[in-house]
């Protein structure tokens, strides 16, 4: 009987940890927020792009001070990751989050001119 109680407690604990560890899915950034971030990034890219085009996914949040905090940049080009992060990380935007800790996802298409 003691082993059964221990087993049930262990299963309940594992289930609780799994449920609480599930991260929220990122939401798509609003058009206004995307526009502000694109303006911060600028139109000139100081790195080479294979095939003339590159798509990058940027995961970020906006803190209570209105600063963009870059969480992750998914790209095959390390120079693009470094450039985008340097241009938007900790920069102020006018967007205010509806809920603290909201995570946004924004695809960025970079085209070599």
C-alpha atoms as a PDB file:
ATOM      1  CA  UNK A   1       0.000   0.000   0.000  1.00  0.00           C
ATOM      2  CA  UNK A   2       2.862   2.341   0.849  1.00  0.00           C
ATOM      3  CA  UNK A   3       4.464   1.705  -2.576  1.00  0.00           C
ATOM      4  CA  UNK A   4       1.156   2.426  -4.336  1.00  0.00           C
ATOM      5  CA  UNK A   5       0.845   5.819  -2.607  1.00  0.00           C
ATOM      6  CA  UNK A   6       4.445   6.644  -3.481  1.00  0.00           C
ATOM      7  CA  UNK A   7       3.880   5.626  -7.114  1.00  0.00           C
ATOM      8  CA  UNK A   8       0.714   7.741  -7.434  1.00  0.00           C
ATOM      9  CA  UNK A   9       2.465  10.733  -5.829  1.00  0.00           C
ATOM     10  CA  UNK A  10       5.402  10.377  -8.223  1.00  0.00           C
ATOM     11  CA  UNK A  11       3.095  10.260 -11.270  1.00  0.00           C
ATOM     12  CA  UNK A  12       1.168  13.312 -10.038  1.00  0.00           C
ATOM     13  CA  UNK A  13       4.415  15.201  -9.524  1.00  0.00           C
ATOM     14  CA  UNK A  14       5.730  14.336 -12.987  1.00  0.00           C
ATOM     15  CA  UNK A  15       2.427  15.389 -14.560  1.00  0.00           C
ATOM     16  CA  UNK A  16       2.424  18.716 -12.663  1.00  0.00           C
ATOM     17  CA  UNK A  17       5.979  19.491 -13.755  1.00  0.00           C
ATOM     18  CA  UNK A  18       5.184  18.701 -17.400  1.00  0.00           C
ATOM     19  CA  UNK A  19       2.094  20.917 -17.420  1.00  0.00           C
ATOM     20  CA  UNK A  20       3.852  23.864 -15.774  1.00  0.00           C
ATOM     21  CA  UNK A  21       6.907  23.567 -18.043  1.00  0.00           C
ATOM     22  CA  UNK A  22       4.905  23.908 -21.266  1.00  0.00           C
ATOM     23  CA  UNK A  23       5.945  27.240 -22.787  1.00  0.00           C
ATOM     24  CA  UNK A  24       3.342  29.457 -24.371  1.00  0.00           C
ATOM     25  CA  UNK A  25       3.276  29.579 -28.133  1.00  0.00           C
ATOM     26  CA  UNK A  26       4.574  32.878 -29.481  1.00  0.00           C
ATOM     27  CA  UNK A  27       2.045  35.212 -31.018  1.00  0.00           C
ATOM     28  CA  UNK A  28       2.483  37.135 -34.241  1.00  0.00           C
ATOM     29  CA  UNK A  29       3.718  40.691 -33.783  1.00  0.00           C
ATOM     30  CA  UNK A  30       1.255  43.437 -34.673  1.00  0.00           C
ATOM     31  CA  UNK A  31       1.713  45.432 -37.859  1.00  0.00           C
ATOM     32  CA  UNK A  32       2.720  48.529 -35.869  1.00  0.00           C
ATOM     33  CA  UNK A  33       5.330  46.595 -33.880  1.00  0.00           C
ATOM     34  CA  UNK A  34       6.683  44.955 -37.051  1.00  0.00           C
ATOM     35  CA  UNK A  35       6.960  48.360 -38.694  1.00  0.00           C
ATOM     36  CA  UNK A  36       8.889  49.801 -35.742  1.00  0.00           C
ATOM     37  CA  UNK A  37      11.297  46.857 -35.710  1.00  0.00           C
ATOM     38  CA  UNK A  38      11.894  47.033 -39.457  1.00  0.00           C
ATOM     39  CA  UNK A  39      12.702  50.749 -39.080  1.00  0.00           C
ATOM     40  CA  UNK A  40      15.172  49.919 -36.302  1.00  0.00           C
ATOM     41  CA  UNK A  41      16.846  47.265 -38.460  1.00  0.00           C
ATOM     42  CA  UNK A  42      17.307  49.620 -41.389  1.00  0.00           C
ATOM     43  CA  UNK A  43      17.413  48.855 -45.088  1.00  0.00           C
ATOM     44  CA  UNK A  44      21.144  48.238 -45.557  1.00  0.00           C
ATOM     45  CA  UNK A  45      22.611  44.865 -44.570  1.00  0.00           C
ATOM     46  CA  UNK A  46      26.364  44.693 -43.946  1.00  0.00           C
ATOM     47  CA  UNK A  47      26.692  40.977 -44.685  1.00  0.00           C
ATOM     48  CA  UNK A  48      26.490  38.689 -47.694  1.00  0.00           C
ATOM     49  CA  UNK A  49      23.374  36.628 -48.378  1.00  0.00           C
ATOM     50  CA  UNK A  50      23.480  33.435 -50.415  1.00  0.00           C
ATOM     51  CA  UNK A  51      20.946  33.399 -53.273  1.00  0.00           C
ATOM     52  CA  UNK A  52      20.142  37.078 -52.592  1.00  0.00           C
ATOM     53  CA  UNK A  53      17.409  36.333 -50.022  1.00  0.00           C
ATOM     54  CA  UNK A  54      17.272  35.138 -46.422  1.00  0.00           C
ATOM     55  CA  UNK A  55      14.371  34.433 -44.049  1.00  0.00           C
ATOM     56  CA  UNK A  56      14.950  34.768 -40.317  1.00  0.00           C
ATOM     57  CA  UNK A  57      12.557  34.133 -37.418  1.00  0.00           C
ATOM     58  CA  UNK A  58      12.925  36.452 -34.449  1.00  0.00           C
ATOM     59  CA  UNK A  59      11.435  35.543 -31.063  1.00  0.00           C
ATOM     60  CA  UNK A  60      11.265  38.448 -28.639  1.00  0.00           C
ATOM     61  CA  UNK A  61       9.341  40.062 -25.836  1.00  0.00           C
ATOM     62  CA  UNK A  62       8.725  43.681 -24.845  1.00  0.00           C
ATOM     63  CA  UNK A  63       9.468  44.556 -21.217  1.00  0.00           C
ATOM     64  CA  UNK A  64       7.604  47.019 -19.000  1.00  0.00           C
ATOM     65  CA  UNK A  65       9.900  49.856 -20.161  1.00  0.00           C
ATOM     66  CA  UNK A  66       8.947  49.294 -23.799  1.00  0.00           C
ATOM     67  CA  UNK A  67      12.297  47.722 -24.694  1.00  0.00           C
ATOM     68  CA  UNK A  68      12.553  44.819 -27.124  1.00  0.00           C
ATOM     69  CA  UNK A  69      14.308  41.819 -25.590  1.00  0.00           C
ATOM     70  CA  UNK A  70      15.483  39.330 -28.229  1.00  0.00           C
ATOM     71  CA  UNK A  71      15.068  35.762 -26.994  1.00  0.00           C
ATOM     72  CA  UNK A  72      16.096  33.799 -30.061  1.00  0.00           C
ATOM     73  CA  UNK A  73      16.940  34.312 -33.707  1.00  0.00           C
ATOM     74  CA  UNK A  74      16.561  31.318 -35.994  1.00  0.00           C
ATOM     75  CA  UNK A  75      18.764  31.594 -39.058  1.00  0.00           C
ATOM     76  CA  UNK A  76      21.416  29.722 -41.007  1.00  0.00           C
ATOM     77  CA  UNK A  77      23.460  32.919 -41.259  1.00  0.00           C
ATOM     78  CA  UNK A  78      25.334  33.840 -38.029  1.00  0.00           C
ATOM     79  CA  UNK A  79      26.096  37.322 -39.386  1.00  0.00           C
ATOM     80  CA  UNK A  80      22.368  37.970 -39.847  1.00  0.00           C
ATOM     81  CA  UNK A  81      21.657  36.832 -36.276  1.00  0.00           C
ATOM     82  CA  UNK A  82      24.332  39.140 -34.881  1.00  0.00           C
ATOM     83  CA  UNK A  83      23.226  42.095 -37.019  1.00  0.00           C
ATOM     84  CA  UNK A  84      19.517  41.821 -36.194  1.00  0.00           C
ATOM     85  CA  UNK A  85      20.180  41.352 -32.489  1.00  0.00           C
ATOM     86  CA  UNK A  86      22.516  44.353 -32.390  1.00  0.00           C
ATOM     87  CA  UNK A  87      19.935  46.539 -34.132  1.00  0.00           C
ATOM     88  CA  UNK A  88      16.803  45.737 -32.074  1.00  0.00           C
ATOM     89  CA  UNK A  89      17.859  44.255 -28.719  1.00  0.00           C
ATOM     90  CA  UNK A  90      17.054  46.649 -25.827  1.00  0.00           C
ATOM     91  CA  UNK A  91      15.747  49.321 -28.198  1.00  0.00           C
ATOM     92  CA  UNK A  92      12.590  51.173 -27.175  1.00  0.00           C
ATOM     93  CA  UNK A  93       9.317  50.779 -29.067  1.00  0.00           C
ATOM     94  CA  UNK A  94       5.924  52.368 -28.459  1.00  0.00           C
ATOM     95  CA  UNK A  95       4.175  48.978 -28.211  1.00  0.00           C
ATOM     96  CA  UNK A  96       2.793  48.039 -24.791  1.00  0.00           C
ATOM     97  CA  UNK A  97       2.116  44.406 -23.983  1.00  0.00           C
ATOM     98  CA  UNK A  98      -1.322  43.295 -22.915  1.00  0.00           C
ATOM     99  CA  UNK A  99       0.188  40.686 -20.613  1.00  0.00           C
ATOM    100  CA  UNK A 100       3.653  40.557 -18.996  1.00  0.00           C
ATOM    101  CA  UNK A 101       6.030  38.044 -20.554  1.00  0.00           C
ATOM    102  CA  UNK A 102       4.164  37.848 -23.857  1.00  0.00           C
ATOM    103  CA  UNK A 103       6.425  36.262 -26.487  1.00  0.00           C
ATOM    104  CA  UNK A 104       6.233  37.441 -30.083  1.00  0.00           C
ATOM    105  CA  UNK A 105       7.428  35.793 -33.273  1.00  0.00           C
ATOM    106  CA  UNK A 106       8.265  37.818 -36.340  1.00  0.00           C
ATOM    107  CA  UNK A 107       9.548  36.420 -39.618  1.00  0.00           C
ATOM    108  CA  UNK A 108      12.036  38.761 -41.298  1.00  0.00           C
ATOM    109  CA  UNK A 109      12.849  38.497 -44.977  1.00  0.00           C
ATOM    110  CA  UNK A 110      16.186  40.050 -45.885  1.00  0.00           C
ATOM    111  CA  UNK A 111      16.883  40.764 -49.537  1.00  0.00           C
ATOM    112  CA  UNK A 112      20.321  41.716 -50.840  1.00  0.00           C
ATOM    113  CA  UNK A 113      20.115  44.738 -53.113  1.00  0.00           C
END
